[in-house]
Amino acid sequence: MASVEVMNADSDMRQCIEDCLACHRVCMETLTYCLGKGGKHAEARHLRLLMDCAEICQTSANFMLRDSELHSRTCFACSEVCGRCAESCAQMGEDVVMKACADMCTQCSDSCWRMGGGVMSQTPNPEAAQRAADLPA
């Protein structure tokens, strides 16, 4: 018989996969909406965030679906990207489509944060960390 902890972990992962797939879909739909709307909705930074969010959500879902031992890393990154995308969408004002995207991104960010353990669970490659630290802000 499976322990409650294992069953909860499976349930948390299933929920995170569902959130990632839903967020991917919503971001892709919102991207199309923003391109059609134009103006501030179609600014490059905002569109890049929507594309980044959709891509990392799909990637994170794939890592979890194949039970990759590195899924916590993609979930950690996904949480950050979704959070930034949510902020960008929320800045678009009282637009119902943008609010729905911001809400979904926030939900996915929270779910991925939990799945990623809230912090990087593995120490990153020290050389890669140094290269990242040396990049201009």
Protein backbone atom coordinates (compact mmCIF):
# COMPACT_ATOMS: atom_id res chain seq x y z
CA MET A 1 0.00 0.00 0.00
CA ALA A 2 1.34 3.44 -0.96
CA SER A 3 2.06 5.89 1.80
CA VAL A 4 0.05 9.10 2.09
CA GLU A 5 3.23 11.10 1.38
CA VAL A 6 3.82 9.27 -1.92
CA MET A 7 0.17 9.63 -2.92
CA ASN A 8 0.30 13.38 -2.15
CA ALA A 9 3.51 13.74 -4.16
CA ASP A 10 1.86 12.00 -7.12
CA SER A 11 -1.19 14.24 -6.74
CA ASP A 12 1.00 17.37 -6.54
CA MET A 13 2.87 16.33 -9.66
CA ARG A 14 -0.34 15.57 -11.57
CA GLN A 15 -1.68 18.98 -10.59
CA CYS A 16 1.54 20.69 -11.63
CA ILE A 17 1.49 18.91 -15.01
CA GLU A 18 -2.12 20.01 -15.53
CA ASP A 19 -1.26 23.59 -14.54
CA CYS A 20 1.75 23.66 -16.87
CA LEU A 21 -0.24 22.34 -19.83
CA ALA A 22 -3.10 24.76 -19.16
CA CYS A 23 -0.68 27.67 -18.80
CA HIS A 24 1.04 26.71 -22.06
CA ARG A 25 -2.32 26.79 -23.85
CA VAL A 26 -3.44 30.06 -22.27
CA CYS A 27 -0.14 31.79 -23.07
CA MET A 28 -0.29 30.66 -26.71
CA GLU A 29 -3.89 31.88 -27.01
CA THR A 30 -2.98 35.16 -25.31
CA LEU A 31 -0.02 35.61 -27.64
CA THR A 32 -2.37 35.41 -30.62
CA TYR A 33 -4.77 37.82 -28.91
CA CYS A 34 -1.98 40.32 -28.20
CA LEU A 35 -0.70 40.23 -31.76
CA GLY A 36 -4.20 41.02 -33.00
CA LYS A 37 -4.77 43.76 -30.44
CA GLY A 38 -1.51 45.59 -31.13
CA GLY A 39 -0.23 48.54 -29.14
CA LYS A 40 1.25 47.83 -25.72
CA HIS A 41 -0.12 44.28 -25.95
CA ALA A 42 2.23 43.60 -28.87
CA GLU A 43 5.40 45.07 -27.38
CA ALA A 44 8.40 42.78 -27.87
CA ARG A 45 9.19 42.29 -24.16
CA HIS A 46 5.63 41.21 -23.38
CA LEU A 47 5.41 38.86 -26.37
CA ARG A 48 8.77 37.29 -25.48
CA LEU A 49 7.54 36.63 -21.93
CA LEU A 50 4.40 34.95 -23.26
CA MET A 51 6.50 32.77 -25.58
CA ASP A 52 9.03 32.00 -22.84
CA CYS A 53 6.25 31.07 -20.45
CA ALA A 54 4.49 28.82 -22.95
CA GLU A 55 7.76 27.08 -23.82
CA ILE A 56 8.98 26.49 -20.25
CA CYS A 57 5.53 25.27 -19.20
CA GLN A 58 5.53 22.69 -22.01
CA THR A 59 9.09 21.67 -21.15
CA SER A 60 8.34 21.35 -17.44
CA ALA A 61 5.26 19.23 -18.13
CA ASN A 62 7.33 16.99 -20.41
CA PHE A 63 10.05 16.55 -17.76
CA MET A 64 7.46 15.56 -15.17
CA LEU A 65 5.56 13.28 -17.56
CA ARG A 66 8.71 11.28 -18.25
CA ASP A 67 9.66 11.34 -14.55
CA SER A 68 12.96 13.08 -15.20
CA GLU A 69 15.10 13.41 -12.11
CA LEU A 70 15.79 16.98 -13.27
CA HIS A 71 12.14 18.07 -13.22
CA SER A 72 12.68 20.19 -10.10
CA ARG A 73 15.11 22.38 -12.06
CA THR A 74 12.69 23.03 -14.91
CA CYS A 75 9.89 23.62 -12.40
CA PHE A 76 12.03 26.15 -10.56
CA ALA A 77 12.71 28.04 -13.80
CA CYS A 78 9.06 27.69 -14.81
CA SER A 79 7.94 29.26 -11.55
CA GLU A 80 10.11 32.31 -12.16
CA VAL A 81 9.10 32.76 -15.80
CA CYS A 82 5.39 32.30 -15.03
CA GLY A 83 5.65 34.86 -12.24
CA ARG A 84 7.19 37.42 -14.59
CA CYS A 85 4.62 36.67 -17.28
CA ALA A 86 1.80 37.10 -14.75
CA GLU A 87 3.17 40.52 -13.79
CA SER A 88 3.43 41.58 -17.43
CA CYS A 89 -0.12 40.46 -18.18
CA ALA A 90 -1.49 42.14 -15.05
CA GLN A 91 0.02 45.45 -16.17
CA MET A 92 -2.27 45.50 -19.21
CA GLY A 93 -5.13 46.93 -17.15
CA GLU A 94 -8.72 45.74 -17.01
CA ASP A 95 -8.45 43.46 -20.05
CA VAL A 96 -10.30 40.21 -19.24
CA VAL A 97 -8.05 38.08 -21.48
CA MET A 98 -4.92 39.46 -19.86
CA LYS A 99 -6.36 38.95 -16.38
CA ALA A 100 -7.15 35.31 -17.20
CA CYS A 101 -3.59 34.82 -18.43
CA ALA A 102 -2.13 36.50 -15.33
CA ASP A 103 -4.28 34.29 -13.09
CA MET A 104 -3.23 31.10 -14.90
CA CYS A 105 0.43 32.09 -14.84
CA THR A 106 0.21 32.80 -11.10
CA GLN A 107 -1.42 29.43 -10.46
CA CYS A 108 1.24 27.65 -12.51
CA SER A 109 4.03 29.61 -10.83
CA ASP A 110 2.77 28.56 -7.40
CA SER A 111 2.38 24.93 -8.46
CA CYS A 112 5.85 24.80 -10.00
CA TRP A 113 7.35 26.53 -6.97
CA ARG A 114 6.02 23.71 -4.79
CA MET A 115 7.16 21.04 -7.25
CA GLY A 116 10.60 22.65 -7.49
CA GLY A 117 10.91 22.58 -3.73
CA GLY A 118 10.88 26.35 -3.49
CA VAL A 119 14.64 26.38 -4.12
CA MET A 120 17.04 24.66 -6.43
CA SER A 121 17.31 21.19 -4.95
CA GLN A 122 20.63 20.47 -6.65
CA THR A 123 23.73 22.63 -6.71
CA PRO A 124 24.19 24.08 -10.18
CA ASN A 125 27.36 23.44 -12.14
CA PRO A 126 29.91 25.82 -10.54
CA GLU A 127 31.39 26.82 -13.91
CA ALA A 128 27.95 27.61 -15.32
CA ALA A 129 27.07 29.54 -12.16
CA GLN A 130 30.25 31.63 -12.51
CA ARG A 131 29.56 32.33 -16.19
CA ALA A 132 26.03 33.43 -15.27
CA ALA A 133 27.37 35.66 -12.49
CA ASP A 134 29.79 37.29 -14.95
CA LEU A 135 27.03 38.26 -17.41
CA PRO A 136 26.04 41.92 -17.49
CA ALA A 137 22.76 42.71 -15.77
